[in-house]
Amino acid sequence: MFVSANQPYQGYSVGILMFDGLEFPMPPGDVGNATTYPFPVLLRVMEGVFDNPFPPLTNPDGSYTEPVQKCIAAAQQMEKDGVRALAMCCGFFSLIQPIVAAHVAIPVMTSPLMMIPVIHQMLKPDQSVAVVTADGKLLTNEFFTAVGADLDNRITVAGLENAPTFRSFCMFGSETSYETDDVRDEVIASIAEARQRDLNIGAVVLECTSLTPYAHDVRAATGLPVYDFIACVEWMHRAVVPKQYSGYI
């Protein structure tokens, strides 16, 4: 077998860009836990990126703001280092999906919100999607329209802004330990409240990439199909590293 490469380390298919300064635990299932994935991934911190870029994304002269530029540079470096596809660590990065995708030549998936248009096509026309998010007040329509969805079209937001355990470590919380069962209960409670507001919910999307550890519990508690970001990453992996089948007939 003849082999050739020009990277200092190899054997990964997907790169995961992480916030700078994260210190809270990331249990298996979290986007930042390497054991979450059934294949090697390259996890890398975006130095100086402590939060998602928010509007405006450009300066008065038309150039991108510093946070956006740092995200682009981190994505381009990942591509140079040999990843075949790229994901980011928070669903709020949907806002810069078109921008990042335009600056690299590999598949990019910034947010679980990208799944919504497809999920809508999988549901009955009168069914909606519950989007569980870190903060429902901050998740405005701009984050949906950037990836082809519309907050006013068959979407019900289930926010965790009043969930004490979740807020203690996420969205600028400072705790470095928490009880995962408490987070699970807060997520399930947020969906139950959303279902009281919307009787037509037919699926759940976990926007926050720290919520995937609870996808199984959400399915068990609600009976609804649950879509999370790790499924997106695995999908991208299958696209850039197609499975080679063997068997017999």
C-alpha atoms as a PDB file:
ATOM      1  CA  MET A   1       0.000   0.000   0.000  1.00  0.00           C
ATOM      2  CA  PHE A   2       1.423   3.370  -1.054  1.00  0.00           C
ATOM      3  CA  VAL A   3       0.647   6.225   1.377  1.00  0.00           C
ATOM      4  CA  SER A   4       1.318   9.956   1.314  1.00  0.00           C
ATOM      5  CA  ALA A   5       0.400  12.917   3.541  1.00  0.00           C
ATOM      6  CA  ASN A   6       1.545  16.378   4.547  1.00  0.00           C
ATOM      7  CA  GLN A   7      -0.013  16.840   8.008  1.00  0.00           C
ATOM      8  CA  PRO A   8       1.748  16.359  11.369  1.00  0.00           C
ATOM      9  CA  TYR A   9      -1.042  14.058  12.631  1.00  0.00           C
ATOM     10  CA  GLN A  10      -3.628  12.007  10.806  1.00  0.00           C
ATOM     11  CA  GLY A  11      -6.499   9.568  11.227  1.00  0.00           C
ATOM     12  CA  TYR A  12      -9.441  11.907  11.874  1.00  0.00           C
ATOM     13  CA  SER A  13     -12.301  12.795   9.562  1.00  0.00           C
ATOM     14  CA  VAL A  14     -14.201  15.573  11.336  1.00  0.00           C
ATOM     15  CA  GLY A  15     -12.860  18.655  13.083  1.00  0.00           C
ATOM     16  CA  ILE A  16     -14.753  20.179  16.014  1.00  0.00           C
ATOM     17  CA  LEU A  17     -14.168  23.859  16.809  1.00  0.00           C
ATOM     18  CA  MET A  18     -14.645  24.680  20.493  1.00  0.00           C
ATOM     19  CA  PHE A  19     -15.046  27.900  22.495  1.00  0.00           C
ATOM     20  CA  ASP A  20     -12.057  29.245  24.358  1.00  0.00           C
ATOM     21  CA  GLY A  21     -12.176  29.011  28.146  1.00  0.00           C
ATOM     22  CA  LEU A  22     -14.692  26.173  28.627  1.00  0.00           C
ATOM     23  CA  GLU A  23     -14.096  24.401  31.940  1.00  0.00           C
ATOM     24  CA  PHE A  24     -17.356  22.627  32.796  1.00  0.00           C
ATOM     25  CA  PRO A  25     -17.640  18.816  32.543  1.00  0.00           C
ATOM     26  CA  MET A  26     -18.658  17.423  29.160  1.00  0.00           C
ATOM     27  CA  PRO A  27     -20.056  13.910  29.649  1.00  0.00           C
ATOM     28  CA  PRO A  28     -20.184  11.357  26.822  1.00  0.00           C
ATOM     29  CA  GLY A  29     -22.620  12.682  24.236  1.00  0.00           C
ATOM     30  CA  ASP A  30     -21.422  16.261  24.575  1.00  0.00           C
ATOM     31  CA  VAL A  31     -19.856  17.687  21.422  1.00  0.00           C
ATOM     32  CA  GLY A  32     -16.629  18.351  23.350  1.00  0.00           C
ATOM     33  CA  ASN A  33     -16.127  14.805  24.632  1.00  0.00           C
ATOM     34  CA  ALA A  34     -13.944  12.770  22.285  1.00  0.00           C
ATOM     35  CA  THR A  35     -15.540   9.475  23.410  1.00  0.00           C
ATOM     36  CA  THR A  36     -18.871  10.703  22.034  1.00  0.00           C
ATOM     37  CA  TYR A  37     -17.824   9.764  18.522  1.00  0.00           C
ATOM     38  CA  PRO A  38     -17.418   6.272  17.026  1.00  0.00           C
ATOM     39  CA  PHE A  39     -14.470   7.570  14.990  1.00  0.00           C
ATOM     40  CA  PRO A  40     -11.501   9.860  15.722  1.00  0.00           C
ATOM     41  CA  VAL A  41     -12.204  13.606  15.661  1.00  0.00           C
ATOM     42  CA  LEU A  42      -9.890  16.588  15.959  1.00  0.00           C
ATOM     43  CA  LEU A  43     -11.020  18.887  18.767  1.00  0.00           C
ATOM     44  CA  ARG A  44      -9.550  22.371  18.750  1.00  0.00           C
ATOM     45  CA  VAL A  45     -10.129  25.567  20.725  1.00  0.00           C
ATOM     46  CA  MET A  46     -10.727  28.777  18.768  1.00  0.00           C
ATOM     47  CA  GLU A  47      -8.394  31.072  20.654  1.00  0.00           C
ATOM     48  CA  GLY A  48     -10.081  34.290  21.688  1.00  0.00           C
ATOM     49  CA  VAL A  49     -13.588  33.111  20.749  1.00  0.00           C
ATOM     50  CA  PHE A  50     -15.510  33.080  24.021  1.00  0.00           C
ATOM     51  CA  ASP A  51     -18.983  33.577  22.562  1.00  0.00           C
ATOM     52  CA  ASN A  52     -20.870  33.251  19.280  1.00  0.00           C
ATOM     53  CA  PRO A  53     -20.650  36.115  16.814  1.00  0.00           C
ATOM     54  CA  PHE A  54     -23.821  38.196  17.057  1.00  0.00           C
ATOM     55  CA  PRO A  55     -25.157  40.874  14.707  1.00  0.00           C
ATOM     56  CA  PRO A  56     -23.747  42.914  13.243  1.00  0.00           C
ATOM     57  CA  LEU A  57     -21.412  40.468  11.528  1.00  0.00           C
ATOM     58  CA  THR A  58     -19.639  43.178   9.555  1.00  0.00           C
ATOM     59  CA  ASN A  59     -17.939  46.451  10.395  1.00  0.00           C
ATOM     60  CA  PRO A  60     -18.954  49.787   8.812  1.00  0.00           C
ATOM     61  CA  ASP A  61     -16.302  49.258   6.126  1.00  0.00           C
ATOM     62  CA  GLY A  62     -17.864  45.919   5.144  1.00  0.00           C
ATOM     63  CA  SER A  63     -15.178  43.719   6.679  1.00  0.00           C
ATOM     64  CA  TYR A  64     -16.143  40.934   9.055  1.00  0.00           C
ATOM     65  CA  THR A  65     -16.061  41.635  12.786  1.00  0.00           C
ATOM     66  CA  GLU A  66     -13.154  40.208  14.782  1.00  0.00           C
ATOM     67  CA  PRO A  67     -15.119  37.212  16.194  1.00  0.00           C
ATOM     68  CA  VAL A  68     -16.248  36.220  12.697  1.00  0.00           C
ATOM     69  CA  GLN A  69     -12.706  36.570  11.353  1.00  0.00           C
ATOM     70  CA  LYS A  70     -11.393  34.325  14.139  1.00  0.00           C
ATOM     71  CA  CYS A  71     -13.983  31.661  13.335  1.00  0.00           C
ATOM     72  CA  ILE A  72     -13.063  31.778   9.643  1.00  0.00           C
ATOM     73  CA  ALA A  73      -9.352  31.532  10.428  1.00  0.00           C
ATOM     74  CA  ALA A  74      -9.919  28.566  12.769  1.00  0.00           C
ATOM     75  CA  ALA A  75     -11.978  26.770  10.124  1.00  0.00           C
ATOM     76  CA  GLN A  76      -9.338  27.371   7.464  1.00  0.00           C
ATOM     77  CA  GLN A  77      -6.595  26.071   9.748  1.00  0.00           C
ATOM     78  CA  MET A  78      -8.616  22.935  10.431  1.00  0.00           C
ATOM     79  CA  GLU A  79      -8.917  22.387   6.697  1.00  0.00           C
ATOM     80  CA  LYS A  80      -5.154  22.820   6.270  1.00  0.00           C
ATOM     81  CA  ASP A  81      -4.607  20.255   9.026  1.00  0.00           C
ATOM     82  CA  GLY A  82      -6.497  17.670   7.037  1.00  0.00           C
ATOM     83  CA  VAL A  83     -10.029  17.371   8.428  1.00  0.00           C
ATOM     84  CA  ARG A  84     -12.528  16.306   5.794  1.00  0.00           C
ATOM     85  CA  ALA A  85     -15.559  17.978   7.397  1.00  0.00           C
ATOM     86  CA  LEU A  86     -16.096  20.605  10.069  1.00  0.00           C
ATOM     87  CA  ALA A  87     -18.519  21.116  12.960  1.00  0.00           C
ATOM     88  CA  MET A  88     -18.807  23.781  15.653  1.00  0.00           C
ATOM     89  CA  CYS A  89     -19.630  23.563  19.327  1.00  0.00           C
ATOM     90  CA  CYS A  90     -22.860  25.559  19.666  1.00  0.00           C
ATOM     91  CA  GLY A  91     -26.123  25.821  17.758  1.00  0.00           C
ATOM     92  CA  PHE A  92     -25.980  29.609  17.809  1.00  0.00           C
ATOM     93  CA  PHE A  93     -23.173  29.411  15.246  1.00  0.00           C
ATOM     94  CA  SER A  94     -25.923  28.935  12.648  1.00  0.00           C
ATOM     95  CA  LEU A  95     -25.697  32.673  12.110  1.00  0.00           C
ATOM     96  CA  ILE A  96     -22.338  32.303  10.361  1.00  0.00           C
ATOM     97  CA  GLN A  97     -23.031  29.033   8.517  1.00  0.00           C
ATOM     98  CA  PRO A  98     -23.040  30.695   5.058  1.00  0.00           C
ATOM     99  CA  ILE A  99     -19.901  32.660   5.890  1.00  0.00           C
ATOM    100  CA  VAL A 100     -17.788  29.763   7.157  1.00  0.00           C
ATOM    101  CA  ALA A 101     -18.952  27.470   4.346  1.00  0.00           C
ATOM    102  CA  ALA A 102     -17.886  30.076   1.794  1.00  0.00           C
ATOM    103  CA  HIS A 103     -14.325  30.199   3.144  1.00  0.00           C
ATOM    104  CA  VAL A 104     -13.399  26.502   3.136  1.00  0.00           C
ATOM    105  CA  ALA A 105     -13.677  23.702   0.588  1.00  0.00           C
ATOM    106  CA  ILE A 106     -14.934  20.996   2.992  1.00  0.00           C
ATOM    107  CA  PRO A 107     -18.461  20.346   4.308  1.00  0.00           C
ATOM    108  CA  VAL A 108     -19.414  22.566   7.241  1.00  0.00           C
ATOM    109  CA  MET A 109     -22.215  22.077   9.758  1.00  0.00           C
ATOM    110  CA  THR A 110     -22.402  24.787  12.381  1.00  0.00           C
ATOM    111  CA  SER A 111     -25.718  24.050  14.070  1.00  0.00           C
ATOM    112  CA  PRO A 112     -28.456  21.467  14.692  1.00  0.00           C
ATOM    113  CA  LEU A 113     -30.886  24.115  13.430  1.00  0.00           C
ATOM    114  CA  MET A 114     -29.787  23.152   9.916  1.00  0.00           C
ATOM    115  CA  MET A 115     -31.848  19.963  10.271  1.00  0.00           C
ATOM    116  CA  ILE A 116     -35.189  21.735  10.665  1.00  0.00           C
ATOM    117  CA  PRO A 117     -36.137  22.150   6.973  1.00  0.00           C
ATOM    118  CA  VAL A 118     -35.508  18.436   6.410  1.00  0.00           C
ATOM    119  CA  ILE A 119     -37.359  17.409   9.567  1.00  0.00           C
ATOM    120  CA  HIS A 120     -40.365  19.471   8.478  1.00  0.00           C
ATOM    121  CA  GLN A 121     -40.510  17.438   5.287  1.00  0.00           C
ATOM    122  CA  MET A 122     -40.470  14.242   7.333  1.00  0.00           C
ATOM    123  CA  LEU A 123     -43.475  15.292   9.440  1.00  0.00           C
ATOM    124  CA  LYS A 124     -47.152  15.737   8.682  1.00  0.00           C
ATOM    125  CA  PRO A 125     -47.902  19.255   7.356  1.00  0.00           C
ATOM    126  CA  ASP A 126     -49.619  20.264  10.590  1.00  0.00           C
ATOM    127  CA  GLN A 127     -46.827  19.048  12.887  1.00  0.00           C
ATOM    128  CA  SER A 128     -44.194  21.327  14.384  1.00  0.00           C
ATOM    129  CA  VAL A 129     -40.704  20.969  15.833  1.00  0.00           C
ATOM    130  CA  ALA A 130     -39.790  21.719  19.437  1.00  0.00           C
ATOM    131  CA  VAL A 131     -36.347  23.332  19.570  1.00  0.00           C
ATOM    132  CA  VAL A 132     -34.686  22.945  22.970  1.00  0.00           C
ATOM    133  CA  THR A 133     -32.238  25.806  23.373  1.00  0.00           C
ATOM    134  CA  ALA A 134     -29.944  27.228  26.004  1.00  0.00           C
ATOM    135  CA  ASP A 135     -31.843  30.518  25.950  1.00  0.00           C
ATOM    136  CA  GLY A 136     -35.139  31.017  24.170  1.00  0.00           C
ATOM    137  CA  LYS A 137     -34.931  34.776  24.501  1.00  0.00           C
ATOM    138  CA  LEU A 138     -31.671  34.938  22.585  1.00  0.00           C
ATOM    139  CA  LEU A 139     -32.606  32.470  19.849  1.00  0.00           C
ATOM    140  CA  THR A 140     -34.190  34.978  17.478  1.00  0.00           C
ATOM    141  CA  ASN A 141     -35.327  34.365  13.919  1.00  0.00           C
ATOM    142  CA  GLU A 142     -31.962  35.463  12.484  1.00  0.00           C
ATOM    143  CA  PHE A 143     -30.419  32.204  13.680  1.00  0.00           C
ATOM    144  CA  PHE A 144     -33.099  30.233  11.842  1.00  0.00           C
ATOM    145  CA  THR A 145     -33.199  32.138   8.560  1.00  0.00           C
ATOM    146  CA  ALA A 146     -29.414  31.803   8.189  1.00  0.00           C
ATOM    147  CA  VAL A 147     -29.927  28.050   7.712  1.00  0.00           C
ATOM    148  CA  GLY A 148     -33.173  28.047   5.753  1.00  0.00           C
ATOM    149  CA  ALA A 149     -35.671  27.787   8.605  1.00  0.00           C
ATOM    150  CA  ASP A 150     -38.242  30.240   9.967  1.00  0.00           C
ATOM    151  CA  LEU A 151     -39.099  30.690  13.644  1.00  0.00           C
ATOM    152  CA  ASP A 152     -42.686  31.523  12.669  1.00  0.00           C
ATOM    153  CA  ASN A 153     -43.142  28.349  10.630  1.00  0.00           C
ATOM    154  CA  ARG A 154     -43.936  25.212  12.651  1.00  0.00           C
ATOM    155  CA  ILE A 155     -41.295  25.831  15.345  1.00  0.00           C
ATOM    156  CA  THR A 156     -41.877  26.025  19.092  1.00  0.00           C
ATOM    157  CA  VAL A 157     -38.948  27.064  21.270  1.00  0.00           C
ATOM    158  CA  ALA A 158     -38.320  25.329  24.596  1.00  0.00           C
ATOM    159  CA  GLY A 159     -35.812  27.532  26.393  1.00  0.00           C
ATOM    160  CA  LEU A 160     -33.637  26.627  29.375  1.00  0.00           C
ATOM    161  CA  GLU A 161     -33.061  30.205  30.512  1.00  0.00           C
ATOM    162  CA  ASN A 162     -34.862  29.448  33.799  1.00  0.00           C
ATOM    163  CA  ALA A 163     -33.280  26.026  34.377  1.00  0.00           C
ATOM    164  CA  PRO A 164     -31.021  26.509  37.429  1.00  0.00           C
ATOM    165  CA  THR A 165     -28.664  23.548  37.009  1.00  0.00           C
ATOM    166  CA  PHE A 166     -28.169  24.062  33.291  1.00  0.00           C
ATOM    167  CA  ARG A 167     -27.613  27.794  33.737  1.00  0.00           C
ATOM    168  CA  SER A 168     -25.103  27.177  36.512  1.00  0.00           C
ATOM    169  CA  PHE A 169     -22.495  25.962  34.032  1.00  0.00           C
ATOM    170  CA  CYS A 170     -23.708  26.927  30.558  1.00  0.00           C
ATOM    171  CA  MET A 171     -24.298  30.364  29.016  1.00  0.00           C
ATOM    172  CA  PHE A 172     -21.636  32.068  31.146  1.00  0.00           C
ATOM    173  CA  GLY A 173     -22.303  30.076  34.302  1.00  0.00           C
ATOM    174  CA  SER A 174     -19.171  29.489  36.379  1.00  0.00           C
ATOM    175  CA  GLU A 175     -19.817  26.079  37.970  1.00  0.00           C
ATOM    176  CA  THR A 176     -17.356  23.330  37.116  1.00  0.00           C
ATOM    177  CA  SER A 177     -19.533  20.490  38.402  1.00  0.00           C
ATOM    178  CA  TYR A 178     -23.211  19.576  38.172  1.00  0.00           C
ATOM    179  CA  GLU A 179     -25.652  16.689  38.500  1.00  0.00           C
ATOM    180  CA  THR A 180     -26.523  15.324  35.072  1.00  0.00           C
ATOM    181  CA  ASP A 181     -29.861  13.939  36.288  1.00  0.00           C
ATOM    182  CA  ASP A 182     -30.936  17.473  37.172  1.00  0.00           C
ATOM    183  CA  VAL A 183     -30.115  18.709  33.662  1.00  0.00           C
ATOM    184  CA  ARG A 184     -32.016  15.778  32.190  1.00  0.00           C
ATOM    185  CA  ASP A 185     -35.081  16.663  34.257  1.00  0.00           C
ATOM    186  CA  GLU A 186     -34.866  20.330  33.236  1.00  0.00           C
ATOM    187  CA  VAL A 187     -34.710  19.412  29.544  1.00  0.00           C
ATOM    188  CA  ILE A 188     -37.694  17.077  29.791  1.00  0.00           C
ATOM    189  CA  ALA A 189     -39.652  19.677  31.749  1.00  0.00           C
ATOM    190  CA  SER A 190     -38.956  22.330  29.114  1.00  0.00           C
ATOM    191  CA  ILE A 191     -40.353  20.062  26.395  1.00  0.00           C
ATOM    192  CA  ALA A 192     -43.423  19.234  28.492  1.00  0.00           C
ATOM    193  CA  GLU A 193     -44.095  22.969  28.881  1.00  0.00           C
ATOM    194  CA  ALA A 194     -43.663  23.495  25.135  1.00  0.00           C
ATOM    195  CA  ARG A 195     -46.161  20.720  24.428  1.00  0.00           C
ATOM    196  CA  GLN A 196     -48.716  22.509  26.555  1.00  0.00           C
ATOM    197  CA  ARG A 197     -48.298  25.564  24.339  1.00  0.00           C
ATOM    198  CA  ASP A 198     -48.223  23.579  21.106  1.00  0.00           C
ATOM    199  CA  LEU A 199     -50.295  20.399  20.846  1.00  0.00           C
ATOM    200  CA  ASN A 200     -48.912  19.622  17.378  1.00  0.00           C
ATOM    201  CA  ILE A 201     -45.252  19.022  18.232  1.00  0.00           C
ATOM    202  CA  GLY A 202     -44.066  16.021  16.233  1.00  0.00           C
ATOM    203  CA  ALA A 203     -40.301  16.060  16.834  1.00  0.00           C
ATOM    204  CA  VAL A 204     -37.607  17.498  19.068  1.00  0.00           C
ATOM    205  CA  VAL A 205     -34.379  19.221  18.013  1.00  0.00           C
ATOM    206  CA  LEU A 206     -31.706  19.684  20.680  1.00  0.00           C
ATOM    207  CA  GLU A 207     -30.166  22.981  19.596  1.00  0.00           C
ATOM    208  CA  CYS A 208     -27.641  23.086  22.414  1.00  0.00           C
ATOM    209  CA  THR A 209     -24.747  20.728  21.773  1.00  0.00           C
ATOM    210  CA  SER A 210     -24.467  20.018  25.514  1.00  0.00           C
ATOM    211  CA  LEU A 211     -27.895  18.347  25.504  1.00  0.00           C
ATOM    212  CA  THR A 212     -27.139  15.295  23.348  1.00  0.00           C
ATOM    213  CA  PRO A 213     -26.344  13.178  26.462  1.00  0.00           C
ATOM    214  CA  TYR A 214     -30.055  13.380  27.273  1.00  0.00           C
ATOM    215  CA  ALA A 215     -31.462  12.503  23.844  1.00  0.00           C
ATOM    216  CA  HIS A 216     -32.267   8.921  24.862  1.00  0.00           C
ATOM    217  CA  ASP A 217     -34.111  10.128  27.981  1.00  0.00           C
ATOM    218  CA  VAL A 218     -36.051  12.704  25.971  1.00  0.00           C
ATOM    219  CA  ARG A 219     -37.173  10.022  23.543  1.00  0.00           C
ATOM    220  CA  ALA A 220     -38.230   7.757  26.418  1.00  0.00           C
ATOM    221  CA  ALA A 221     -40.130  10.541  28.181  1.00  0.00           C
ATOM    222  CA  THR A 222     -41.890  12.033  25.143  1.00  0.00           C
ATOM    223  CA  GLY A 223     -42.179   9.244  22.598  1.00  0.00           C
ATOM    224  CA  LEU A 224     -41.081  11.771  19.961  1.00  0.00           C
ATOM    225  CA  PRO A 225     -38.204  11.450  17.490  1.00  0.00           C
ATOM    226  CA  VAL A 226     -35.204  13.387  18.797  1.00  0.00           C
ATOM    227  CA  TYR A 227     -32.600  15.020  16.566  1.00  0.00           C
ATOM    228  CA  ASP A 228     -29.238  16.111  17.950  1.00  0.00           C
ATOM    229  CA  PHE A 229     -25.963  17.480  16.651  1.00  0.00           C
ATOM    230  CA  ILE A 230     -23.917  14.335  17.082  1.00  0.00           C
ATOM    231  CA  ALA A 231     -26.158  12.654  14.520  1.00  0.00           C
ATOM    232  CA  CYS A 232     -25.221  15.507  12.165  1.00  0.00           C
ATOM    233  CA  VAL A 233     -21.512  14.939  12.772  1.00  0.00           C
ATOM    234  CA  GLU A 234     -21.878  11.205  12.168  1.00  0.00           C
ATOM    235  CA  TRP A 235     -23.774  11.964   8.949  1.00  0.00           C
ATOM    236  CA  MET A 236     -20.935  14.201   7.732  1.00  0.00           C
ATOM    237  CA  HIS A 237     -18.411  11.530   8.613  1.00  0.00           C
ATOM    238  CA  ARG A 238     -20.302   8.996   6.501  1.00  0.00           C
ATOM    239  CA  ALA A 239     -20.219  11.442   3.597  1.00  0.00           C
ATOM    240  CA  VAL A 240     -16.451  11.955   3.684  1.00  0.00           C
ATOM    241  CA  VAL A 241     -15.571   8.415   4.797  1.00  0.00           C
ATOM    242  CA  PRO A 242     -18.229   6.229   3.116  1.00  0.00           C
ATOM    243  CA  LYS A 243     -18.757   2.822   4.648  1.00  0.00           C
ATOM    244  CA  GLN A 244     -17.301  -0.047   2.661  1.00  0.00           C
ATOM    245  CA  TYR A 245     -19.807  -2.874   2.825  1.00  0.00           C
ATOM    246  CA  SER A 246     -19.056  -6.569   3.023  1.00  0.00           C
ATOM    247  CA  GLY A 247     -21.293  -9.560   3.397  1.00  0.00           C
ATOM    248  CA  TYR A 248     -22.948 -12.180   1.273  1.00  0.00           C
ATOM    249  CA  ILE A 249     -26.149 -13.022  -0.591  1.00  0.00           C
END
